[in-house]
Amino acid sequence: MPNSSNTVPGDAVLVVGNADSYAARNSLHWKRNLAIRVLGSFTTLVSLTLLLPPCLFT
């Protein structure tokens, strides 16, 4: 781990190696998770829209 004059033992040190490889490897995963969350939110909204109005006006 690199040590310079402005760090003390115990401080977190950012080691820059393959900085964008983590983002490149996980871009598919977060995009898929976002699509699933949006679809789930939409279906929940539609189901509540279908269920709540008959319950409120009876």
PDB file of N, CA and C in Angstrom:
ATOM      1  N   MET A   1       0.858  -1.169   0.000  1.00  0.00           N
ATOM      2  CA  MET A   1       0.000   0.000   0.000  1.00  0.00           C
ATOM      3  C   MET A   1       0.900   1.226   0.000  1.00  0.00           C
ATOM      4  N   PRO A   2       0.591   2.184  -0.877  1.00  0.00           N
ATOM      5  CA  PRO A   2       1.443   3.365  -0.957  1.00  0.00           C
ATOM      6  C   PRO A   2       1.332   4.206   0.304  1.00  0.00           C
ATOM      7  N   ASN A   3       2.454   4.776   0.693  1.00  0.00           N
ATOM      8  CA  ASN A   3       2.468   5.642   1.858  1.00  0.00           C
ATOM      9  C   ASN A   3       3.122   6.950   1.457  1.00  0.00           C
ATOM     10  N   SER A   4       2.444   8.038   1.698  1.00  0.00           N
ATOM     11  CA  SER A   4       3.012   9.342   1.386  1.00  0.00           C
ATOM     12  C   SER A   4       3.034  10.170   2.651  1.00  0.00           C
ATOM     13  N   SER A   5       3.547  11.365   2.560  1.00  0.00           N
ATOM     14  CA  SER A   5       3.725  12.189   3.752  1.00  0.00           C
ATOM     15  C   SER A   5       2.400  12.708   4.316  1.00  0.00           C
ATOM     16  N   ASN A   6       1.320  12.731   3.514  1.00  0.00           N
ATOM     17  CA  ASN A   6       0.052  13.264   4.021  1.00  0.00           C
ATOM     18  C   ASN A   6      -0.910  12.182   4.498  1.00  0.00           C
ATOM     19  N   THR A   7      -0.459  10.949   4.633  1.00  0.00           N
ATOM     20  CA  THR A   7      -1.310   9.890   5.163  1.00  0.00           C
ATOM     21  C   THR A   7      -0.745   9.384   6.470  1.00  0.00           C
ATOM     22  N   VAL A   8      -1.610   8.924   7.322  1.00  0.00           N
ATOM     23  CA  VAL A   8      -1.193   8.334   8.581  1.00  0.00           C
ATOM     24  C   VAL A   8      -1.691   6.905   8.609  1.00  0.00           C
ATOM     25  N   PRO A   9      -1.078   6.053   9.385  1.00  0.00           N
ATOM     26  CA  PRO A   9      -1.557   4.670   9.460  1.00  0.00           C
ATOM     27  C   PRO A   9      -3.005   4.619   9.930  1.00  0.00           C
ATOM     28  N   GLY A  10      -3.806   3.828   9.246  1.00  0.00           N
ATOM     29  CA  GLY A  10      -5.221   3.712   9.584  1.00  0.00           C
ATOM     30  C   GLY A  10      -6.118   4.510   8.658  1.00  0.00           C
ATOM     31  N   ASP A  11      -5.561   5.474   7.912  1.00  0.00           N
ATOM     32  CA  ASP A  11      -6.369   6.232   6.951  1.00  0.00           C
ATOM     33  C   ASP A  11      -6.647   5.369   5.725  1.00  0.00           C
ATOM     34  N   ALA A  12      -7.804   5.602   5.126  1.00  0.00           N
ATOM     35  CA  ALA A  12      -8.140   4.901   3.893  1.00  0.00           C
ATOM     36  C   ALA A  12      -7.361   5.522   2.752  1.00  0.00           C
ATOM     37  N   VAL A  13      -6.750   4.690   1.953  1.00  0.00           N
ATOM     38  CA  VAL A  13      -5.951   5.167   0.832  1.00  0.00           C
ATOM     39  C   VAL A  13      -6.579   4.650  -0.445  1.00  0.00           C
ATOM     40  N   LEU A  14      -6.840   5.533  -1.392  1.00  0.00           N
ATOM     41  CA  LEU A  14      -7.400   5.152  -2.673  1.00  0.00           C
ATOM     42  C   LEU A  14      -6.269   4.741  -3.599  1.00  0.00           C
ATOM     43  N   VAL A  15      -6.293   3.496  -3.999  1.00  0.00           N
ATOM     44  CA  VAL A  15      -5.295   2.991  -4.918  1.00  0.00           C
ATOM     45  C   VAL A  15      -5.923   2.986  -6.299  1.00  0.00           C
ATOM     46  N   VAL A  16      -5.355   3.770  -7.196  1.00  0.00           N
ATOM     47  CA  VAL A  16      -5.907   3.883  -8.542  1.00  0.00           C
ATOM     48  C   VAL A  16      -5.199   2.889  -9.437  1.00  0.00           C
ATOM     49  N   GLY A  17      -5.927   1.869  -9.814  1.00  0.00           N
ATOM     50  CA  GLY A  17      -5.390   0.878 -10.733  1.00  0.00           C
ATOM     51  C   GLY A  17      -6.316   0.817 -11.930  1.00  0.00           C
ATOM     52  N   ASN A  18      -7.257  -0.116 -11.885  1.00  0.00           N
ATOM     53  CA  ASN A  18      -8.279  -0.215 -12.912  1.00  0.00           C
ATOM     54  C   ASN A  18      -9.544   0.454 -12.390  1.00  0.00           C
ATOM     55  N   ALA A  19      -9.548   1.775 -12.363  1.00  0.00           N
ATOM     56  CA  ALA A  19     -10.648   2.515 -11.745  1.00  0.00           C
ATOM     57  C   ALA A  19     -11.951   2.332 -12.513  1.00  0.00           C
ATOM     58  N   ASP A  20     -11.891   2.339 -13.840  1.00  0.00           N
ATOM     59  CA  ASP A  20     -13.143   2.224 -14.598  1.00  0.00           C
ATOM     60  C   ASP A  20     -13.507   0.783 -14.926  1.00  0.00           C
ATOM     61  N   SER A  21     -12.679  -0.174 -14.592  1.00  0.00           N
ATOM     62  CA  SER A  21     -13.029  -1.554 -14.895  1.00  0.00           C
ATOM     63  C   SER A  21     -14.157  -2.050 -13.990  1.00  0.00           C
ATOM     64  N   TYR A  22     -14.220  -1.555 -12.753  1.00  0.00           N
ATOM     65  CA  TYR A  22     -15.316  -1.938 -11.852  1.00  0.00           C
ATOM     66  C   TYR A  22     -16.649  -1.438 -12.400  1.00  0.00           C
ATOM     67  N   ALA A  23     -16.681  -0.195 -12.849  1.00  0.00           N
ATOM     68  CA  ALA A  23     -17.899   0.363 -13.419  1.00  0.00           C
ATOM     69  C   ALA A  23     -18.265  -0.349 -14.719  1.00  0.00           C
ATOM     70  N   ALA A  24     -17.281  -0.668 -15.511  1.00  0.00           N
ATOM     71  CA  ALA A  24     -17.553  -1.343 -16.777  1.00  0.00           C
ATOM     72  C   ALA A  24     -18.090  -2.748 -16.551  1.00  0.00           C
ATOM     73  N   ARG A  25     -17.562  -3.432 -15.528  1.00  0.00           N
ATOM     74  CA  ARG A  25     -18.031  -4.793 -15.248  1.00  0.00           C
ATOM     75  C   ARG A  25     -19.443  -4.796 -14.685  1.00  0.00           C
ATOM     76  N   ASN A  26     -19.811  -3.782 -13.937  1.00  0.00           N
ATOM     77  CA  ASN A  26     -21.104  -3.784 -13.258  1.00  0.00           C
ATOM     78  C   ASN A  26     -22.172  -2.938 -13.933  1.00  0.00           C
ATOM     79  N   SER A  27     -21.881  -2.353 -15.074  1.00  0.00           N
ATOM     80  CA  SER A  27     -22.879  -1.511 -15.734  1.00  0.00           C
ATOM     81  C   SER A  27     -24.098  -2.318 -16.167  1.00  0.00           C
ATOM     82  N   LEU A  28     -23.895  -3.539 -16.599  1.00  0.00           N
ATOM     83  CA  LEU A  28     -25.020  -4.392 -16.992  1.00  0.00           C
ATOM     84  C   LEU A  28     -25.909  -4.692 -15.796  1.00  0.00           C
ATOM     85  N   HIS A  29     -25.313  -4.932 -14.640  1.00  0.00           N
ATOM     86  CA  HIS A  29     -26.072  -5.311 -13.455  1.00  0.00           C
ATOM     87  C   HIS A  29     -26.951  -4.179 -12.948  1.00  0.00           C
ATOM     88  N   TRP A  30     -26.401  -2.951 -12.849  1.00  0.00           N
ATOM     89  CA  TRP A  30     -27.229  -1.875 -12.312  1.00  0.00           C
ATOM     90  C   TRP A  30     -28.299  -1.459 -13.306  1.00  0.00           C
ATOM     91  N   LYS A  31     -28.031  -1.575 -14.582  1.00  0.00           N
ATOM     92  CA  LYS A  31     -29.063  -1.253 -15.574  1.00  0.00           C
ATOM     93  C   LYS A  31     -30.194  -2.276 -15.520  1.00  0.00           C
ATOM     94  N   ARG A  32     -29.855  -3.542 -15.359  1.00  0.00           N
ATOM     95  CA  ARG A  32     -30.875  -4.576 -15.238  1.00  0.00           C
ATOM     96  C   ARG A  32     -31.682  -4.393 -13.954  1.00  0.00           C
ATOM     97  N   ASN A  33     -31.003  -4.095 -12.846  1.00  0.00           N
ATOM     98  CA  ASN A  33     -31.700  -3.863 -11.590  1.00  0.00           C
ATOM     99  C   ASN A  33     -32.614  -2.652 -11.670  1.00  0.00           C
ATOM    100  N   LEU A  34     -32.177  -1.602 -12.349  1.00  0.00           N
ATOM    101  CA  LEU A  34     -33.009  -0.415 -12.511  1.00  0.00           C
ATOM    102  C   LEU A  34     -34.254  -0.733 -13.328  1.00  0.00           C
ATOM    103  N   ALA A  35     -34.112  -1.506 -14.399  1.00  0.00           N
ATOM    104  CA  ALA A  35     -35.259  -1.875 -15.225  1.00  0.00           C
ATOM    105  C   ALA A  35     -36.250  -2.722 -14.428  1.00  0.00           C
ATOM    106  N   ILE A  36     -35.744  -3.640 -13.616  1.00  0.00           N
ATOM    107  CA  ILE A  36     -36.625  -4.481 -12.797  1.00  0.00           C
ATOM    108  C   ILE A  36     -37.356  -3.640 -11.766  1.00  0.00           C
ATOM    109  N   ARG A  37     -36.665  -2.686 -11.148  1.00  0.00           N
ATOM    110  CA  ARG A  37     -37.303  -1.825 -10.140  1.00  0.00           C
ATOM    111  C   ARG A  37     -38.381  -0.946 -10.762  1.00  0.00           C
ATOM    112  N   VAL A  38     -38.106  -0.396 -11.950  1.00  0.00           N
ATOM    113  CA  VAL A  38     -39.102   0.445 -12.618  1.00  0.00           C
ATOM    114  C   VAL A  38     -40.315  -0.388 -13.005  1.00  0.00           C
ATOM    115  N   LEU A  39     -40.110  -1.573 -13.529  1.00  0.00           N
ATOM    116  CA  LEU A  39     -41.214  -2.456 -13.888  1.00  0.00           C
ATOM    117  C   LEU A  39     -42.014  -2.850 -12.652  1.00  0.00           C
ATOM    118  N   GLY A  40     -41.340  -3.155 -11.556  1.00  0.00           N
ATOM    119  CA  GLY A  40     -42.029  -3.498 -10.317  1.00  0.00           C
ATOM    120  C   GLY A  40     -42.826  -2.336  -9.764  1.00  0.00           C
ATOM    121  N   SER A  41     -42.286  -1.141  -9.818  1.00  0.00           N
ATOM    122  CA  SER A  41     -43.015   0.039  -9.350  1.00  0.00           C
ATOM    123  C   SER A  41     -44.248   0.293 -10.215  1.00  0.00           C
ATOM    124  N   PHE A  42     -44.102   0.121 -11.519  1.00  0.00           N
ATOM    125  CA  PHE A  42     -45.227   0.329 -12.426  1.00  0.00           C
ATOM    126  C   PHE A  42     -46.340  -0.675 -12.164  1.00  0.00           C
ATOM    127  N   THR A  43     -45.983  -1.945 -12.008  1.00  0.00           N
ATOM    128  CA  THR A  43     -47.019  -2.955 -11.773  1.00  0.00           C
ATOM    129  C   THR A  43     -47.691  -2.759 -10.414  1.00  0.00           C
ATOM    130  N   THR A  44     -46.949  -2.319  -9.420  1.00  0.00           N
ATOM    131  CA  THR A  44     -47.540  -2.028  -8.118  1.00  0.00           C
ATOM    132  C   THR A  44     -48.500  -0.855  -8.221  1.00  0.00           C
ATOM    133  N   LEU A  45     -48.113   0.177  -8.944  1.00  0.00           N
ATOM    134  CA  LEU A  45     -48.983   1.337  -9.135  1.00  0.00           C
ATOM    135  C   LEU A  45     -50.272   0.943  -9.851  1.00  0.00           C
ATOM    136  N   VAL A  46     -50.165   0.127 -10.882  1.00  0.00           N
ATOM    137  CA  VAL A  46     -51.353  -0.310 -11.621  1.00  0.00           C
ATOM    138  C   VAL A  46     -52.244  -1.172 -10.737  1.00  0.00           C
ATOM    139  N   SER A  47     -51.663  -2.075  -9.974  1.00  0.00           N
ATOM    140  CA  SER A  47     -52.494  -2.943  -9.133  1.00  0.00           C
ATOM    141  C   SER A  47     -53.181  -2.154  -8.032  1.00  0.00           C
ATOM    142  N   LEU A  48     -52.518  -1.186  -7.446  1.00  0.00           N
ATOM    143  CA  LEU A  48     -53.161  -0.368  -6.419  1.00  0.00           C
ATOM    144  C   LEU A  48     -54.239   0.530  -7.019  1.00  0.00           C
ATOM    145  N   THR A  49     -54.018   0.988  -8.228  1.00  0.00           N
ATOM    146  CA  THR A  49     -55.025   1.804  -8.899  1.00  0.00           C
ATOM    147  C   THR A  49     -56.288   0.985  -9.169  1.00  0.00           C
ATOM    148  N   LEU A  50     -56.109  -0.289  -9.473  1.00  0.00           N
ATOM    149  CA  LEU A  50     -57.266  -1.142  -9.723  1.00  0.00           C
ATOM    150  C   LEU A  50     -57.967  -1.556  -8.436  1.00  0.00           C
ATOM    151  N   LEU A  51     -57.241  -1.675  -7.332  1.00  0.00           N
ATOM    152  CA  LEU A  51     -57.827  -2.161  -6.087  1.00  0.00           C
ATOM    153  C   LEU A  51     -58.415  -1.059  -5.214  1.00  0.00           C
ATOM    154  N   LEU A  52     -57.750   0.074  -5.126  1.00  0.00           N
ATOM    155  CA  LEU A  52     -58.159   1.092  -4.164  1.00  0.00           C
ATOM    156  C   LEU A  52     -59.467   1.824  -4.502  1.00  0.00           C
ATOM    157  N   PRO A  53     -59.740   2.222  -5.722  1.00  0.00           N
ATOM    158  CA  PRO A  53     -60.989   2.966  -5.948  1.00  0.00           C
ATOM    159  C   PRO A  53     -62.257   2.198  -5.555  1.00  0.00           C
ATOM    160  N   PRO A  54     -62.400   0.906  -5.832  1.00  0.00           N
ATOM    161  CA  PRO A  54     -63.622   0.234  -5.350  1.00  0.00           C
ATOM    162  C   PRO A  54     -63.681   0.179  -3.824  1.00  0.00           C
ATOM    163  N   CYS A  55     -62.549   0.082  -3.169  1.00  0.00           N
ATOM    164  CA  CYS A  55     -62.549   0.029  -1.713  1.00  0.00           C
ATOM    165  C   CYS A  55     -62.888   1.385  -1.097  1.00  0.00           C
ATOM    166  N   LEU A  56     -62.508   2.457  -1.730  1.00  0.00           N
ATOM    167  CA  LEU A  56     -62.737   3.783  -1.173  1.00  0.00           C
ATOM    168  C   LEU A  56     -64.175   4.257  -1.325  1.00  0.00           C
ATOM    169  N   PHE A  57     -64.850   3.823  -2.358  1.00  0.00           N
ATOM    170  CA  PHE A  57     -66.185   4.344  -2.646  1.00  0.00           C
ATOM    171  C   PHE A  57     -67.291   3.367  -2.335  1.00  0.00           C
ATOM    172  N   THR A  58     -67.047   2.370  -1.523  1.00  0.00           N
ATOM    173  CA  THR A  58     -68.109   1.429  -1.165  1.00  0.00           C
ATOM    174  C   THR A  58     -68.695   1.750   0.184  1.00  0.00           C
TER     175      THR A  58
END
